[in-house]
Amino acid sequence: MKNNSINFIVTIVLAVILSQFLPWWSVMLASLISALLIRLKKSAVFFVPFIAITFFWMAYAFYLGNTNDFILANKIAVLLPLGGSSFLLILVTGIIGGIAAGISAVFGKQVASILKS
């Protein structure tokens, strides 16, 4: 349980720092690095970075949308089949980022196991 919390915090901190300098895929790099540094077991390898980056992207998308009263988010939600709901757009955004981070963390664990042997 301790490793899960540490990995969660490290993933978010790395994602925040790297997202200042790199494009959207910086969250994948953050989860890969955290998976290499902090070993997780079983399904936690996928779900801890998934939840961390989903939380980060949803909070960041809410912050960006809130600065302009969700005008752009509502317009994008109309283009997608979301019924014009900016909340659903933020949720989908977070889930997509979380899936990318979770897959990257699984890859990081595989790389760590190859380097270990």
Protein backbone atom coordinates (compact mmCIF):
# COMPACT_ATOMS: atom_id res chain seq x y z
CA MET A 1 0.00 0.00 0.00
CA LYS A 2 2.88 2.32 0.74
CA ASN A 3 4.36 1.82 -2.72
CA ASN A 4 0.99 2.61 -4.31
CA SER A 5 0.82 5.97 -2.53
CA ILE A 6 4.42 6.83 -3.33
CA ASN A 7 3.96 5.87 -6.98
CA PHE A 8 0.75 7.94 -7.17
CA ILE A 9 2.48 11.04 -5.79
CA VAL A 10 5.64 10.59 -7.88
CA THR A 11 3.58 10.11 -11.04
CA ILE A 12 1.60 13.30 -10.48
CA VAL A 13 4.67 15.36 -9.53
CA LEU A 14 6.61 14.14 -12.58
CA ALA A 15 3.59 14.73 -14.84
CA VAL A 16 3.19 18.30 -13.58
CA ILE A 17 6.87 19.07 -14.03
CA LEU A 18 7.23 17.41 -17.43
CA SER A 19 4.01 18.88 -18.79
CA GLN A 20 5.52 22.34 -18.42
CA PHE A 21 8.16 21.51 -21.04
CA LEU A 22 6.88 18.60 -23.12
CA PRO A 23 3.67 17.88 -25.09
CA TRP A 24 0.77 15.68 -23.99
CA TRP A 25 2.81 12.47 -24.00
CA SER A 26 4.83 13.73 -21.02
CA VAL A 27 2.31 11.91 -18.77
CA MET A 28 3.37 8.66 -20.42
CA LEU A 29 7.00 9.44 -19.69
CA ALA A 30 6.13 10.31 -16.08
CA SER A 31 4.30 7.01 -15.52
CA LEU A 32 7.08 5.04 -17.22
CA ILE A 33 9.71 6.63 -14.98
CA SER A 34 7.65 6.11 -11.83
CA ALA A 35 7.08 2.45 -12.79
CA LEU A 36 10.81 2.00 -13.26
CA LEU A 37 11.63 3.58 -9.90
CA ILE A 38 8.82 2.23 -7.70
CA ARG A 39 7.83 -1.40 -8.14
CA LEU A 40 4.13 -2.17 -8.02
CA LYS A 41 2.42 -5.54 -8.04
CA LYS A 42 -0.34 -7.05 -10.16
CA SER A 43 -3.04 -4.72 -11.41
CA ALA A 44 -1.74 -1.76 -9.38
CA VAL A 45 0.89 -1.30 -12.09
CA PHE A 46 -1.85 -0.14 -14.44
CA PHE A 47 -4.43 1.36 -12.09
CA VAL A 48 -2.27 3.59 -9.86
CA PRO A 49 -0.84 5.66 -12.78
CA PHE A 50 -4.25 5.49 -14.48
CA ILE A 51 -5.96 7.11 -11.50
CA ALA A 52 -3.11 9.59 -10.95
CA ILE A 53 -3.08 10.90 -14.51
CA THR A 54 -6.87 10.79 -14.83
CA PHE A 55 -7.07 13.00 -11.74
CA PHE A 56 -4.31 15.30 -13.04
CA TRP A 57 -5.78 15.71 -16.54
CA MET A 58 -9.30 16.24 -15.25
CA ALA A 59 -8.12 18.86 -12.76
CA TYR A 60 -6.00 20.58 -15.40
CA ALA A 61 -8.81 20.48 -17.99
CA PHE A 62 -11.22 21.91 -15.41
CA TYR A 63 -8.74 24.68 -14.60
CA LEU A 64 -8.25 25.55 -18.28
CA GLY A 65 -11.98 25.41 -18.99
CA ASN A 66 -12.87 27.45 -15.94
CA THR A 67 -10.66 30.33 -17.06
CA ASN A 68 -12.93 30.96 -20.07
CA ASP A 69 -16.27 29.77 -18.62
CA PHE A 70 -16.03 26.49 -20.57
CA ILE A 71 -16.80 28.20 -23.88
CA LEU A 72 -14.25 26.18 -25.88
CA ALA A 73 -15.04 22.97 -23.98
CA ASN A 74 -18.73 23.31 -24.81
CA LYS A 75 -17.95 23.86 -28.50
CA ILE A 76 -15.66 20.83 -28.62
CA ALA A 77 -18.26 18.75 -26.76
CA VAL A 78 -20.76 19.65 -29.49
CA LEU A 79 -18.36 18.34 -32.15
CA LEU A 80 -17.97 15.05 -30.29
CA PRO A 81 -21.02 12.93 -29.50
CA LEU A 82 -21.18 14.23 -25.92
CA GLY A 83 -24.34 16.29 -26.18
CA GLY A 84 -22.50 19.55 -25.57
CA SER A 85 -21.55 18.60 -22.01
CA SER A 86 -18.23 20.05 -20.94
CA PHE A 87 -18.25 17.77 -17.88
CA LEU A 88 -18.32 14.68 -20.11
CA LEU A 89 -15.52 16.16 -22.21
CA ILE A 90 -13.39 16.61 -19.09
CA LEU A 91 -14.18 13.04 -18.02
CA VAL A 92 -13.27 11.60 -21.44
CA THR A 93 -10.09 13.67 -21.47
CA GLY A 94 -9.04 12.28 -18.10
CA ILE A 95 -9.82 8.69 -19.06
CA ILE A 96 -7.83 8.92 -22.29
CA GLY A 97 -4.83 10.31 -20.42
CA GLY A 98 -5.20 7.65 -17.74
CA ILE A 99 -5.26 4.82 -20.27
CA ALA A 100 -2.11 6.18 -21.93
CA ALA A 101 -0.37 6.46 -18.56
CA GLY A 102 -1.47 3.00 -17.42
CA ILE A 103 -0.21 1.32 -20.58
CA SER A 104 3.06 3.23 -20.30
CA ALA A 105 3.48 2.09 -16.69
CA VAL A 106 2.94 -1.55 -17.69
CA PHE A 107 5.63 -1.06 -20.32
CA GLY A 108 7.90 0.47 -17.66
CA LYS A 109 7.40 -2.56 -15.42
CA GLN A 110 8.25 -4.88 -18.31
CA VAL A 111 11.42 -2.88 -19.03
CA ALA A 112 12.35 -3.02 -15.33
CA SER A 113 11.89 -6.80 -15.25
CA ILE A 114 14.04 -7.20 -18.37
CA LEU A 115 16.77 -5.01 -16.90
CA LYS A 116 16.60 -6.93 -13.61
CA SER A 117 17.26 -10.31 -15.25
